[in-house]
C-alpha atoms as a PDB file:
ATOM      1  CA  UNK A   1      24.967   7.009 -19.226  1.00  0.00           C
ATOM      2  CA  UNK A   2      21.316   7.884 -18.632  1.00  0.00           C
ATOM      3  CA  UNK A   3      22.001  10.370 -15.878  1.00  0.00           C
ATOM      4  CA  UNK A   4      25.147  11.967 -17.269  1.00  0.00           C
ATOM      5  CA  UNK A   5      23.381  14.850 -19.000  1.00  0.00           C
ATOM      6  CA  UNK A   6      20.077  16.375 -17.995  1.00  0.00           C
ATOM      7  CA  UNK A   7      18.397  19.565 -19.157  1.00  0.00           C
ATOM      8  CA  UNK A   8      17.632  22.065 -16.430  1.00  0.00           C
ATOM      9  CA  UNK A   9      14.015  22.660 -17.342  1.00  0.00           C
ATOM     10  CA  UNK A  10      11.954  21.230 -14.512  1.00  0.00           C
ATOM     11  CA  UNK A  11      11.011  23.433 -11.587  1.00  0.00           C
ATOM     12  CA  UNK A  12      12.522  22.305  -8.304  1.00  0.00           C
ATOM     13  CA  UNK A  13      10.899  24.001  -5.321  1.00  0.00           C
ATOM     14  CA  UNK A  14      12.426  24.604  -1.906  1.00  0.00           C
ATOM     15  CA  UNK A  15      11.081  24.229   1.638  1.00  0.00           C
ATOM     16  CA  UNK A  16       7.704  22.665   0.828  1.00  0.00           C
ATOM     17  CA  UNK A  17       5.397  21.385   3.560  1.00  0.00           C
ATOM     18  CA  UNK A  18       4.566  17.715   3.041  1.00  0.00           C
ATOM     19  CA  UNK A  19       1.422  17.565   5.193  1.00  0.00           C
ATOM     20  CA  UNK A  20      -1.044  17.962   2.361  1.00  0.00           C
ATOM     21  CA  UNK A  21       0.739  15.367   0.221  1.00  0.00           C
ATOM     22  CA  UNK A  22      -0.056  12.531   2.648  1.00  0.00           C
ATOM     23  CA  UNK A  23      -3.332  10.977   3.729  1.00  0.00           C
ATOM     24  CA  UNK A  24      -2.180  11.228   7.378  1.00  0.00           C
ATOM     25  CA  UNK A  25      -2.024  15.053   6.953  1.00  0.00           C
ATOM     26  CA  UNK A  26       1.235  14.933   8.890  1.00  0.00           C
ATOM     27  CA  UNK A  27       4.799  15.775   7.910  1.00  0.00           C
ATOM     28  CA  UNK A  28       7.537  18.381   8.065  1.00  0.00           C
ATOM     29  CA  UNK A  29       9.280  20.334   5.343  1.00  0.00           C
ATOM     30  CA  UNK A  30      10.939  18.907   2.232  1.00  0.00           C
ATOM     31  CA  UNK A  31      14.228  20.717   1.539  1.00  0.00           C
ATOM     32  CA  UNK A  32      13.551  20.288  -2.191  1.00  0.00           C
ATOM     33  CA  UNK A  33      10.416  19.153  -4.004  1.00  0.00           C
ATOM     34  CA  UNK A  34       9.464  18.487  -7.624  1.00  0.00           C
ATOM     35  CA  UNK A  35       6.784  16.775  -9.688  1.00  0.00           C
ATOM     36  CA  UNK A  36       7.805  14.482 -12.566  1.00  0.00           C
ATOM     37  CA  UNK A  37       5.523  13.804 -15.542  1.00  0.00           C
ATOM     38  CA  UNK A  38       7.863  11.733 -17.722  1.00  0.00           C
ATOM     39  CA  UNK A  39      11.177   9.883 -17.825  1.00  0.00           C
ATOM     40  CA  UNK A  40      13.198  12.962 -18.780  1.00  0.00           C
ATOM     41  CA  UNK A  41      11.959  14.861 -15.736  1.00  0.00           C
ATOM     42  CA  UNK A  42      12.639  11.869 -13.490  1.00  0.00           C
ATOM     43  CA  UNK A  43      16.197  11.666 -14.822  1.00  0.00           C
ATOM     44  CA  UNK A  44      16.640  15.367 -14.153  1.00  0.00           C
ATOM     45  CA  UNK A  45      15.382  15.016 -10.574  1.00  0.00           C
ATOM     46  CA  UNK A  46      17.616  12.020  -9.853  1.00  0.00           C
ATOM     47  CA  UNK A  47      20.508  13.875 -11.455  1.00  0.00           C
ATOM     48  CA  UNK A  48      19.881  16.839  -9.151  1.00  0.00           C
ATOM     49  CA  UNK A  49      19.948  14.435  -6.214  1.00  0.00           C
ATOM     50  CA  UNK A  50      23.255  12.893  -7.306  1.00  0.00           C
ATOM     51  CA  UNK A  51      24.931  16.166  -8.218  1.00  0.00           C
ATOM     52  CA  UNK A  52      24.093  17.709  -4.837  1.00  0.00           C
ATOM     53  CA  UNK A  53      24.685  14.492  -2.886  1.00  0.00           C
ATOM     54  CA  UNK A  54      21.159  14.514  -1.538  1.00  0.00           C
ATOM     55  CA  UNK A  55      18.896  11.594  -0.692  1.00  0.00           C
ATOM     56  CA  UNK A  56      15.674  11.330  -2.688  1.00  0.00           C
ATOM     57  CA  UNK A  57      12.243   9.998  -1.862  1.00  0.00           C
ATOM     58  CA  UNK A  58       9.614   8.966  -4.418  1.00  0.00           C
ATOM     59  CA  UNK A  59       6.161  10.150  -3.357  1.00  0.00           C
ATOM     60  CA  UNK A  60       3.041   8.618  -4.852  1.00  0.00           C
ATOM     61  CA  UNK A  61      -0.374   9.089  -3.274  1.00  0.00           C
ATOM     62  CA  UNK A  62       1.104   9.501   0.207  1.00  0.00           C
ATOM     63  CA  UNK A  63      -1.275   6.865   1.559  1.00  0.00           C
ATOM     64  CA  UNK A  64       1.056   4.423   3.282  1.00  0.00           C
ATOM     65  CA  UNK A  65       3.679   6.705   4.782  1.00  0.00           C
ATOM     66  CA  UNK A  66       4.309   8.699   7.939  1.00  0.00           C
ATOM     67  CA  UNK A  67       6.680  11.615   7.432  1.00  0.00           C
ATOM     68  CA  UNK A  68       8.810  12.848  10.303  1.00  0.00           C
ATOM     69  CA  UNK A  69       7.980  16.179  11.931  1.00  0.00           C
ATOM     70  CA  UNK A  70      11.513  17.163  10.911  1.00  0.00           C
ATOM     71  CA  UNK A  71      10.628  16.620   7.261  1.00  0.00           C
ATOM     72  CA  UNK A  72      13.015  15.334   4.602  1.00  0.00           C
ATOM     73  CA  UNK A  73      16.448  16.856   4.054  1.00  0.00           C
ATOM     74  CA  UNK A  74      16.813  15.749   0.424  1.00  0.00           C
ATOM     75  CA  UNK A  75      14.527  16.002  -2.605  1.00  0.00           C
ATOM     76  CA  UNK A  76      10.994  14.621  -2.644  1.00  0.00           C
ATOM     77  CA  UNK A  77      10.020  13.523  -6.148  1.00  0.00           C
ATOM     78  CA  UNK A  78       6.244  13.422  -6.700  1.00  0.00           C
ATOM     79  CA  UNK A  79       5.520  10.703  -9.236  1.00  0.00           C
ATOM     80  CA  UNK A  80       2.933  11.771 -11.833  1.00  0.00           C
ATOM     81  CA  UNK A  81       3.932   9.582 -14.798  1.00  0.00           C
ATOM     82  CA  UNK A  82       0.663   8.344 -16.277  1.00  0.00           C
ATOM     83  CA  UNK A  83      -0.781   6.355 -19.136  1.00  0.00           C
ATOM     84  CA  UNK A  84      -2.603   3.068 -19.665  1.00  0.00           C
ATOM     85  CA  UNK A  85      -2.325   0.613 -22.584  1.00  0.00           C
ATOM     86  CA  UNK A  86      -4.366  -2.544 -23.247  1.00  0.00           C
ATOM     87  CA  UNK A  87      -2.971  -5.394 -25.346  1.00  0.00           C
ATOM     88  CA  UNK A  88      -4.677  -8.732 -25.937  1.00  0.00           C
ATOM     89  CA  UNK A  89      -2.446 -11.769 -25.319  1.00  0.00           C
ATOM     90  CA  UNK A  90      -2.801 -15.571 -25.420  1.00  0.00           C
ATOM     91  CA  UNK A  91      -5.112 -15.498 -28.438  1.00  0.00           C
ATOM     92  CA  UNK A  92      -7.328 -12.895 -26.862  1.00  0.00           C
ATOM     93  CA  UNK A  93      -8.028 -14.862 -23.669  1.00  0.00           C
ATOM     94  CA  UNK A  94      -6.099 -12.402 -21.501  1.00  0.00           C
ATOM     95  CA  UNK A  95      -5.190  -8.737 -21.611  1.00  0.00           C
ATOM     96  CA  UNK A  96      -1.866  -7.138 -20.714  1.00  0.00           C
ATOM     97  CA  UNK A  97      -2.470  -3.781 -19.052  1.00  0.00           C
ATOM     98  CA  UNK A  98       0.527  -1.440 -18.901  1.00  0.00           C
ATOM     99  CA  UNK A  99      -0.027   1.368 -16.392  1.00  0.00           C
ATOM    100  CA  UNK A 100       2.083   4.397 -15.513  1.00  0.00           C
ATOM    101  CA  UNK A 101       3.313   4.581 -11.920  1.00  0.00           C
ATOM    102  CA  UNK A 102       1.538   7.859 -11.246  1.00  0.00           C
ATOM    103  CA  UNK A 103      -1.954   6.626 -12.066  1.00  0.00           C
ATOM    104  CA  UNK A 104      -4.473   6.489  -9.207  1.00  0.00           C
ATOM    105  CA  UNK A 105      -4.811   2.857  -8.159  1.00  0.00           C
ATOM    106  CA  UNK A 106      -8.574   2.700  -7.727  1.00  0.00           C
ATOM    107  CA  UNK A 107      -9.190   4.513 -11.010  1.00  0.00           C
ATOM    108  CA  UNK A 108      -7.386   1.646 -12.739  1.00  0.00           C
ATOM    109  CA  UNK A 109      -9.334  -0.992 -10.824  1.00  0.00           C
ATOM    110  CA  UNK A 110     -12.604   0.737 -11.731  1.00  0.00           C
ATOM    111  CA  UNK A 111     -11.659   0.956 -15.413  1.00  0.00           C
ATOM    112  CA  UNK A 112     -10.566  -2.677 -15.709  1.00  0.00           C
ATOM    113  CA  UNK A 113     -13.743  -3.892 -14.003  1.00  0.00           C
ATOM    114  CA  UNK A 114     -15.848  -1.775 -16.360  1.00  0.00           C
ATOM    115  CA  UNK A 115     -14.011  -3.438 -19.269  1.00  0.00           C
ATOM    116  CA  UNK A 116     -14.904  -6.867 -17.849  1.00  0.00           C
ATOM    117  CA  UNK A 117     -11.335  -7.777 -16.904  1.00  0.00           C
ATOM    118  CA  UNK A 118     -10.822 -10.013 -13.879  1.00  0.00           C
ATOM    119  CA  UNK A 119      -8.006  -9.828 -11.325  1.00  0.00           C
ATOM    120  CA  UNK A 120      -7.982  -6.485  -9.521  1.00  0.00           C
ATOM    121  CA  UNK A 121     -11.555  -6.282  -8.214  1.00  0.00           C
ATOM    122  CA  UNK A 122     -10.769  -7.401  -4.636  1.00  0.00           C
ATOM    123  CA  UNK A 123      -8.222  -4.585  -4.401  1.00  0.00           C
ATOM    124  CA  UNK A 124     -10.852  -1.893  -4.922  1.00  0.00           C
ATOM    125  CA  UNK A 125     -10.719   1.412  -3.028  1.00  0.00           C
ATOM    126  CA  UNK A 126      -7.139   0.951  -1.831  1.00  0.00           C
ATOM    127  CA  UNK A 127      -5.697   4.488  -1.778  1.00  0.00           C
ATOM    128  CA  UNK A 128      -2.437   5.346  -3.498  1.00  0.00           C
ATOM    129  CA  UNK A 129      -0.813   5.072  -6.908  1.00  0.00           C
ATOM    130  CA  UNK A 130       0.010   2.164  -9.193  1.00  0.00           C
ATOM    131  CA  UNK A 131       3.763   2.549  -8.634  1.00  0.00           C
ATOM    132  CA  UNK A 132       3.418   1.608  -4.977  1.00  0.00           C
ATOM    133  CA  UNK A 133       1.414  -1.537  -5.667  1.00  0.00           C
ATOM    134  CA  UNK A 134       4.342  -3.883  -6.445  1.00  0.00           C
ATOM    135  CA  UNK A 135       6.563  -2.329  -3.793  1.00  0.00           C
ATOM    136  CA  UNK A 136       4.057  -3.069  -1.034  1.00  0.00           C
ATOM    137  CA  UNK A 137       2.519  -6.103  -2.732  1.00  0.00           C
ATOM    138  CA  UNK A 138      -0.811  -4.584  -1.766  1.00  0.00           C
ATOM    139  CA  UNK A 139      -3.531  -6.993  -0.780  1.00  0.00           C
ATOM    140  CA  UNK A 140      -7.075  -7.194   0.536  1.00  0.00           C
ATOM    141  CA  UNK A 141      -9.992  -9.602   0.836  1.00  0.00           C
ATOM    142  CA  UNK A 142      -8.060 -12.692  -0.098  1.00  0.00           C
ATOM    143  CA  UNK A 143      -6.107 -11.245  -3.029  1.00  0.00           C
ATOM    144  CA  UNK A 144      -2.643  -9.791  -3.567  1.00  0.00           C
ATOM    145  CA  UNK A 145      -1.436  -7.722  -6.484  1.00  0.00           C
ATOM    146  CA  UNK A 146       1.407 -10.183  -7.143  1.00  0.00           C
ATOM    147  CA  UNK A 147      -1.201 -12.555  -8.598  1.00  0.00           C
ATOM    148  CA  UNK A 148      -1.750 -10.217 -11.561  1.00  0.00           C
ATOM    149  CA  UNK A 149       1.660  -8.576 -12.085  1.00  0.00           C
ATOM    150  CA  UNK A 150       3.612  -9.776 -15.095  1.00  0.00           C
ATOM    151  CA  UNK A 151       6.553  -7.360 -14.734  1.00  0.00           C
ATOM    152  CA  UNK A 152       7.648  -4.004 -13.379  1.00  0.00           C
ATOM    153  CA  UNK A 153       9.537  -1.421 -15.450  1.00  0.00           C
ATOM    154  CA  UNK A 154      12.030   0.534 -13.344  1.00  0.00           C
ATOM    155  CA  UNK A 155      14.958   2.919 -13.333  1.00  0.00           C
ATOM    156  CA  UNK A 156      17.922   1.349 -11.548  1.00  0.00           C
ATOM    157  CA  UNK A 157      19.516   4.428  -9.992  1.00  0.00           C
ATOM    158  CA  UNK A 158      22.682   2.586  -8.917  1.00  0.00           C
ATOM    159  CA  UNK A 159      23.458   1.017 -12.309  1.00  0.00           C
ATOM    160  CA  UNK A 160      22.043   4.008 -14.182  1.00  0.00           C
ATOM    161  CA  UNK A 161      19.827   1.953 -16.503  1.00  0.00           C
ATOM    162  CA  UNK A 162      16.260   0.957 -17.206  1.00  0.00           C
ATOM    163  CA  UNK A 163      15.171  -2.585 -16.362  1.00  0.00           C
ATOM    164  CA  UNK A 164      12.161  -4.837 -16.687  1.00  0.00           C
ATOM    165  CA  UNK A 165      11.837  -6.952 -13.549  1.00  0.00           C
ATOM    166  CA  UNK A 166       9.711 -10.081 -13.874  1.00  0.00           C
ATOM    167  CA  UNK A 167       7.199 -11.291 -11.306  1.00  0.00           C
ATOM    168  CA  UNK A 168       9.507 -14.019  -9.988  1.00  0.00           C
ATOM    169  CA  UNK A 169      12.416 -11.583  -9.729  1.00  0.00           C
ATOM    170  CA  UNK A 170      10.283  -9.301  -7.541  1.00  0.00           C
ATOM    171  CA  UNK A 171      10.341 -11.978  -4.794  1.00  0.00           C
ATOM    172  CA  UNK A 172       6.855 -11.149  -3.620  1.00  0.00           C
ATOM    173  CA  UNK A 173       5.684 -12.137  -0.158  1.00  0.00           C
ATOM    174  CA  UNK A 174       3.136 -10.843   2.328  1.00  0.00           C
ATOM    175  CA  UNK A 175       3.374  -7.009   2.086  1.00  0.00           C
ATOM    176  CA  UNK A 176       6.887  -7.484   0.728  1.00  0.00           C
ATOM    177  CA  UNK A 177       8.913  -7.283  -2.477  1.00  0.00           C
ATOM    178  CA  UNK A 178      12.581  -7.021  -3.393  1.00  0.00           C
ATOM    179  CA  UNK A 179      12.054  -3.255  -3.830  1.00  0.00           C
ATOM    180  CA  UNK A 180      11.885  -2.909  -0.050  1.00  0.00           C
ATOM    181  CA  UNK A 181      15.417  -4.237   0.374  1.00  0.00           C
ATOM    182  CA  UNK A 182      16.941  -1.107  -1.134  1.00  0.00           C
ATOM    183  CA  UNK A 183      14.178   1.520  -1.434  1.00  0.00           C
ATOM    184  CA  UNK A 184      16.511   4.137  -2.952  1.00  0.00           C
ATOM    185  CA  UNK A 185      17.753   1.927  -5.766  1.00  0.00           C
ATOM    186  CA  UNK A 186      14.729   1.300  -7.980  1.00  0.00           C
ATOM    187  CA  UNK A 187      12.128   3.794  -9.151  1.00  0.00           C
ATOM    188  CA  UNK A 188       8.992   2.191 -10.561  1.00  0.00           C
ATOM    189  CA  UNK A 189       7.986   3.781 -13.891  1.00  0.00           C
ATOM    190  CA  UNK A 190       5.173   1.449 -14.936  1.00  0.00           C
ATOM    191  CA  UNK A 191       3.616  -1.900 -14.120  1.00  0.00           C
ATOM    192  CA  UNK A 192       2.427  -4.629 -16.498  1.00  0.00           C
ATOM    193  CA  UNK A 193      -0.609  -6.589 -15.322  1.00  0.00           C
ATOM    194  CA  UNK A 194      -2.121  -9.694 -16.912  1.00  0.00           C
ATOM    195  CA  UNK A 195      -5.898  -9.783 -16.452  1.00  0.00           C
ATOM    196  CA  UNK A 196      -8.422 -12.416 -17.464  1.00  0.00           C
ATOM    197  CA  UNK A 197     -11.347 -11.932 -19.825  1.00  0.00           C
ATOM    198  CA  UNK A 198     -13.261 -14.786 -18.225  1.00  0.00           C
ATOM    199  CA  UNK A 199     -11.695 -15.140 -14.823  1.00  0.00           C
ATOM    200  CA  UNK A 200     -12.783 -16.816 -11.633  1.00  0.00           C
ATOM    201  CA  UNK A 201     -14.032 -14.511  -8.890  1.00  0.00           C
ATOM    202  CA  UNK A 202     -12.581 -14.814  -5.399  1.00  0.00           C
ATOM    203  CA  UNK A 203     -15.201 -14.211  -2.719  1.00  0.00           C
ATOM    204  CA  UNK A 204     -14.220 -16.837  -0.149  1.00  0.00           C
ATOM    205  CA  UNK A 205     -12.935 -14.158   2.244  1.00  0.00           C
ATOM    206  CA  UNK A 206     -15.124 -14.064   5.380  1.00  0.00           C
ATOM    207  CA  UNK A 207     -16.415 -10.501   4.949  1.00  0.00           C
ATOM    208  CA  UNK A 208     -17.302 -11.074   1.299  1.00  0.00           C
ATOM    209  CA  UNK A 209     -19.037 -14.415   1.985  1.00  0.00           C
ATOM    210  CA  UNK A 210     -21.113 -12.805   4.722  1.00  0.00           C
ATOM    211  CA  UNK A 211     -21.946  -9.836   2.495  1.00  0.00           C
ATOM    212  CA  UNK A 212     -23.273 -11.969  -0.353  1.00  0.00           C
ATOM    213  CA  UNK A 213     -25.065 -14.371   2.011  1.00  0.00           C
ATOM    214  CA  UNK A 214     -26.880 -11.429   3.624  1.00  0.00           C
ATOM    215  CA  UNK A 215     -27.913 -10.144   0.179  1.00  0.00           C
ATOM    216  CA  UNK A 216     -28.816 -13.646  -0.962  1.00  0.00           C
ATOM    217  CA  UNK A 217     -26.447 -13.432  -3.933  1.00  0.00           C
ATOM    218  CA  UNK A 218     -25.117 -16.906  -4.732  1.00  0.00           C
ATOM    219  CA  UNK A 219     -23.032 -16.106  -7.823  1.00  0.00           C
ATOM    220  CA  UNK A 220     -21.969 -12.454  -7.784  1.00  0.00           C
ATOM    221  CA  UNK A 221     -20.801 -10.640 -10.885  1.00  0.00           C
ATOM    222  CA  UNK A 222     -17.438  -8.951 -11.332  1.00  0.00           C
ATOM    223  CA  UNK A 223     -19.004  -5.552 -10.618  1.00  0.00           C
ATOM    224  CA  UNK A 224     -20.844  -6.901  -7.578  1.00  0.00           C
ATOM    225  CA  UNK A 225     -17.553  -8.069  -6.057  1.00  0.00           C
ATOM    226  CA  UNK A 226     -16.032  -4.613  -6.555  1.00  0.00           C
ATOM    227  CA  UNK A 227     -19.131  -2.947  -5.126  1.00  0.00           C
ATOM    228  CA  UNK A 228     -19.069  -5.284  -2.126  1.00  0.00           C
ATOM    229  CA  UNK A 229     -15.419  -4.531  -1.390  1.00  0.00           C
ATOM    230  CA  UNK A 230     -16.116  -0.799  -1.607  1.00  0.00           C
ATOM    231  CA  UNK A 231     -19.111  -1.110   0.721  1.00  0.00           C
ATOM    232  CA  UNK A 232     -17.159  -3.139   3.295  1.00  0.00           C
ATOM    233  CA  UNK A 233     -14.115  -0.863   3.189  1.00  0.00           C
ATOM    234  CA  UNK A 234     -16.279   2.237   3.474  1.00  0.00           C
ATOM    235  CA  UNK A 235     -17.991   0.794   6.536  1.00  0.00           C
ATOM    236  CA  UNK A 236     -14.779  -0.275   8.257  1.00  0.00           C
ATOM    237  CA  UNK A 237     -12.358   2.511   7.360  1.00  0.00           C
ATOM    238  CA  UNK A 238     -12.475   6.272   7.976  1.00  0.00           C
ATOM    239  CA  UNK A 239     -13.283   8.762   5.230  1.00  0.00           C
ATOM    240  CA  UNK A 240     -10.035  10.383   4.105  1.00  0.00           C
ATOM    241  CA  UNK A 241     -11.920  13.649   3.637  1.00  0.00           C
ATOM    242  CA  UNK A 242     -12.743  13.707   7.346  1.00  0.00           C
ATOM    243  CA  UNK A 243      -9.739  12.093   9.028  1.00  0.00           C
ATOM    244  CA  UNK A 244      -6.002  11.903   8.553  1.00  0.00           C
ATOM    245  CA  UNK A 245      -5.014   8.249   8.331  1.00  0.00           C
ATOM    246  CA  UNK A 246      -2.811   5.811   6.444  1.00  0.00           C
ATOM    247  CA  UNK A 247      -5.313   2.981   6.785  1.00  0.00           C
ATOM    248  CA  UNK A 248      -4.028  -0.184   8.457  1.00  0.00           C
ATOM    249  CA  UNK A 249      -0.965   0.923  10.389  1.00  0.00           C
ATOM    250  CA  UNK A 250       0.407  -2.552  11.179  1.00  0.00           C
ATOM    251  CA  UNK A 251       0.819  -5.758   9.213  1.00  0.00           C
ATOM    252  CA  UNK A 252      -1.258  -8.761  10.160  1.00  0.00           C
ATOM    253  CA  UNK A 253       0.499 -11.327  12.322  1.00  0.00           C
ATOM    254  CA  UNK A 254       2.246 -14.256  10.645  1.00  0.00           C
ATOM    255  CA  UNK A 255       3.556 -16.676  13.243  1.00  0.00           C
ATOM    256  CA  UNK A 256       4.344 -20.348  13.743  1.00  0.00           C
ATOM    257  CA  UNK A 257       1.604 -22.958  13.790  1.00  0.00           C
ATOM    258  CA  UNK A 258       2.679 -23.843  17.331  1.00  0.00           C
ATOM    259  CA  UNK A 259       2.261 -20.236  18.474  1.00  0.00           C
ATOM    260  CA  UNK A 260      -1.135 -20.109  16.796  1.00  0.00           C
ATOM    261  CA  UNK A 261      -2.278 -23.223  18.694  1.00  0.00           C
ATOM    262  CA  UNK A 262      -0.966 -21.742  21.934  1.00  0.00           C
ATOM    263  CA  UNK A 263      -2.973 -18.558  21.431  1.00  0.00           C
ATOM    264  CA  UNK A 264      -6.085 -20.486  20.380  1.00  0.00           C
ATOM    265  CA  UNK A 265      -5.942 -22.376  23.670  1.00  0.00           C
ATOM    266  CA  UNK A 266      -5.925 -19.072  25.531  1.00  0.00           C
ATOM    267  CA  UNK A 267      -8.320 -17.265  23.199  1.00  0.00           C
ATOM    268  CA  UNK A 268     -10.660 -19.867  21.591  1.00  0.00           C
ATOM    269  CA  UNK A 269     -12.535 -17.235  19.544  1.00  0.00           C
ATOM    270  CA  UNK A 270      -9.386 -15.982  17.837  1.00  0.00           C
ATOM    271  CA  UNK A 271      -9.417 -16.129  14.036  1.00  0.00           C
ATOM    272  CA  UNK A 272      -6.507 -18.081  12.563  1.00  0.00           C
ATOM    273  CA  UNK A 273      -5.776 -18.735   8.880  1.00  0.00           C
ATOM    274  CA  UNK A 274      -3.285 -21.401   7.773  1.00  0.00           C
ATOM    275  CA  UNK A 275      -0.512 -20.037   5.528  1.00  0.00           C
ATOM    276  CA  UNK A 276       1.206 -23.404   5.170  1.00  0.00           C
ATOM    277  CA  UNK A 277       1.992 -26.359   7.444  1.00  0.00           C
ATOM    278  CA  UNK A 278       4.450 -24.251   9.456  1.00  0.00           C
ATOM    279  CA  UNK A 279       2.840 -20.796   9.640  1.00  0.00           C
ATOM    280  CA  UNK A 280      -0.505 -19.196  10.358  1.00  0.00           C
ATOM    281  CA  UNK A 281      -1.856 -15.682   9.849  1.00  0.00           C
ATOM    282  CA  UNK A 282      -3.843 -13.955  12.593  1.00  0.00           C
ATOM    283  CA  UNK A 283      -5.817 -10.754  11.869  1.00  0.00           C
ATOM    284  CA  UNK A 284      -4.116  -8.189  14.087  1.00  0.00           C
ATOM    285  CA  UNK A 285      -7.339  -6.156  14.285  1.00  0.00           C
ATOM    286  CA  UNK A 286      -8.891  -8.996  16.305  1.00  0.00           C
ATOM    287  CA  UNK A 287      -6.016  -8.978  18.790  1.00  0.00           C
ATOM    288  CA  UNK A 288      -6.036  -5.182  19.126  1.00  0.00           C
ATOM    289  CA  UNK A 289      -9.804  -5.134  19.600  1.00  0.00           C
ATOM    290  CA  UNK A 290     -10.668  -8.224  21.639  1.00  0.00           C
ATOM    291  CA  UNK A 291      -7.498  -8.747  23.655  1.00  0.00           C
ATOM    292  CA  UNK A 292      -5.933  -5.295  23.984  1.00  0.00           C
ATOM    293  CA  UNK A 293      -9.011  -3.085  23.906  1.00  0.00           C
ATOM    294  CA  UNK A 294      -7.609  -0.576  21.405  1.00  0.00           C
ATOM    295  CA  UNK A 295     -10.642   0.009  19.208  1.00  0.00           C
ATOM    296  CA  UNK A 296     -11.885   3.600  19.460  1.00  0.00           C
ATOM    297  CA  UNK A 297      -9.120   4.722  21.811  1.00  0.00           C
ATOM    298  CA  UNK A 298      -8.300   8.448  21.681  1.00  0.00           C
ATOM    299  CA  UNK A 299      -5.241  10.124  23.202  1.00  0.00           C
ATOM    300  CA  UNK A 300      -5.080  13.835  22.520  1.00  0.00           C
ATOM    301  CA  UNK A 301      -5.228  14.404  18.764  1.00  0.00           C
ATOM    302  CA  UNK A 302      -4.644  10.764  17.793  1.00  0.00           C
ATOM    303  CA  UNK A 303      -6.446   7.502  18.265  1.00  0.00           C
ATOM    304  CA  UNK A 304      -7.683   4.326  16.649  1.00  0.00           C
ATOM    305  CA  UNK A 305     -10.763   4.333  14.466  1.00  0.00           C
ATOM    306  CA  UNK A 306     -14.091   3.476  16.097  1.00  0.00           C
ATOM    307  CA  UNK A 307     -14.765   0.651  13.640  1.00  0.00           C
ATOM    308  CA  UNK A 308     -11.230  -0.711  13.179  1.00  0.00           C
ATOM    309  CA  UNK A 309      -8.501  -0.852  15.844  1.00  0.00           C
ATOM    310  CA  UNK A 310      -5.828  -1.459  13.212  1.00  0.00           C
ATOM    311  CA  UNK A 311      -6.336   2.048  11.815  1.00  0.00           C
ATOM    312  CA  UNK A 312      -4.580   4.988  13.482  1.00  0.00           C
ATOM    313  CA  UNK A 313      -6.212   8.375  13.029  1.00  0.00           C
ATOM    314  CA  UNK A 314      -5.097  11.993  13.117  1.00  0.00           C
ATOM    315  CA  UNK A 315      -8.138  13.798  14.496  1.00  0.00           C
ATOM    316  CA  UNK A 316      -6.582  17.163  13.660  1.00  0.00           C
ATOM    317  CA  UNK A 317      -3.297  18.788  14.616  1.00  0.00           C
ATOM    318  CA  UNK A 318      -1.474  15.548  15.423  1.00  0.00           C
ATOM    319  CA  UNK A 319       2.262  15.183  14.899  1.00  0.00           C
ATOM    320  CA  UNK A 320       4.279  12.215  13.685  1.00  0.00           C
ATOM    321  CA  UNK A 321       5.550  11.855  17.240  1.00  0.00           C
ATOM    322  CA  UNK A 322       1.969  11.563  18.518  1.00  0.00           C
ATOM    323  CA  UNK A 323       1.335   8.745  16.043  1.00  0.00           C
ATOM    324  CA  UNK A 324       4.547   6.864  16.853  1.00  0.00           C
ATOM    325  CA  UNK A 325       3.912   7.174  20.608  1.00  0.00           C
ATOM    326  CA  UNK A 326       0.483   5.567  20.232  1.00  0.00           C
ATOM    327  CA  UNK A 327       1.883   2.922  17.894  1.00  0.00           C
ATOM    328  CA  UNK A 328       4.552   2.031  20.440  1.00  0.00           C
ATOM    329  CA  UNK A 329       1.904   1.613  23.161  1.00  0.00           C
ATOM    330  CA  UNK A 330       0.110  -0.812  20.866  1.00  0.00           C
ATOM    331  CA  UNK A 331       3.297  -2.737  20.083  1.00  0.00           C
ATOM    332  CA  UNK A 332       4.078  -3.074  23.792  1.00  0.00           C
ATOM    333  CA  UNK A 333       0.563  -4.128  24.754  1.00  0.00           C
ATOM    334  CA  UNK A 334       0.301  -6.799  22.063  1.00  0.00           C
ATOM    335  CA  UNK A 335       3.637  -8.275  23.116  1.00  0.00           C
ATOM    336  CA  UNK A 336       2.643  -8.169  26.787  1.00  0.00           C
ATOM    337  CA  UNK A 337      -0.629 -10.009  26.140  1.00  0.00           C
ATOM    338  CA  UNK A 338       0.422 -12.464  23.419  1.00  0.00           C
ATOM    339  CA  UNK A 339       4.199 -12.593  23.184  1.00  0.00           C
ATOM    340  CA  UNK A 340       3.919 -11.544  19.526  1.00  0.00           C
ATOM    341  CA  UNK A 341       5.961  -8.783  17.933  1.00  0.00           C
ATOM    342  CA  UNK A 342       4.044  -6.624  15.480  1.00  0.00           C
ATOM    343  CA  UNK A 343       5.481  -4.439  12.745  1.00  0.00           C
ATOM    344  CA  UNK A 344       4.283  -1.336  10.904  1.00  0.00           C
ATOM    345  CA  UNK A 345       2.956  -1.600   7.381  1.00  0.00           C
ATOM    346  CA  UNK A 346       3.256   2.172   7.073  1.00  0.00           C
ATOM    347  CA  UNK A 347       6.649   3.441   5.857  1.00  0.00           C
ATOM    348  CA  UNK A 348       8.547   5.922   8.054  1.00  0.00           C
ATOM    349  CA  UNK A 349      10.130   8.785   6.111  1.00  0.00           C
ATOM    350  CA  UNK A 350      12.761  11.148   7.509  1.00  0.00           C
END
């Protein structure tokens, strides 16, 4: 058994504040905390969790989580397993890129773009680590990471074995994967991506089309798409060095085509994207801004960002309770005005 014997070498710390490990700059105390650099250290940390009958939480870049003011009563395992390998496949037409879960996401996007590999460019400047990318099925500007993932290499904590989970087995959907069904079962160790050497760029997304039209660029390069995404994100989203935030706090709205038509009748300027013949996606930022008036709202130490109502901000000294109170006001107001339920994209940790 993988976890039956583990050497007691890794340092496990006690009573560590989690605030500085999250982009929200919010969070209580972790009862135990450790950093893992390789599989042996991960096994040791999980073994410690099992032996002491403690829950564990895998922490990456801390960019899509909100940690309770009460902290975490088990062991927080900071994932720092790194490494990147490039292997040509399909007679050199494509490249398999194997990346350790602890690698910084945007560093990998930057490197692959510099190597002329297509597939990740629209996902530029998303904060966090590679290990979180399949879990969340991160997406932006008309792309989702599922479109480039070949497989995910994991530790199955329940069955005590390593597994390679294929793209289809991940059951990807909008901001969803099978890993969310049982978040304490699988620990992502690395991700295999398949990128194109001569791919097709995706710049049909409204913001990108407007960006290139304004700059009179008819056929942008791979680097120009990345640069455009970075410019747009920088303009819309707060600087993490200045504000505590997890970026977009809620998922965009996916609702029935009938509901979309109903809302369009009431709000003719609303933006609606067809998902299929039964569902449509509505940018929640538009609803929060134009219908509910939430852009730039500030209540005490929390608020929504001046340029993007979907982004909740810790202006300094805010608590997790402050954030959840504002989020609940937003949930209630959206339902009152539209009849739509909205759900957090940010993961709650306690």
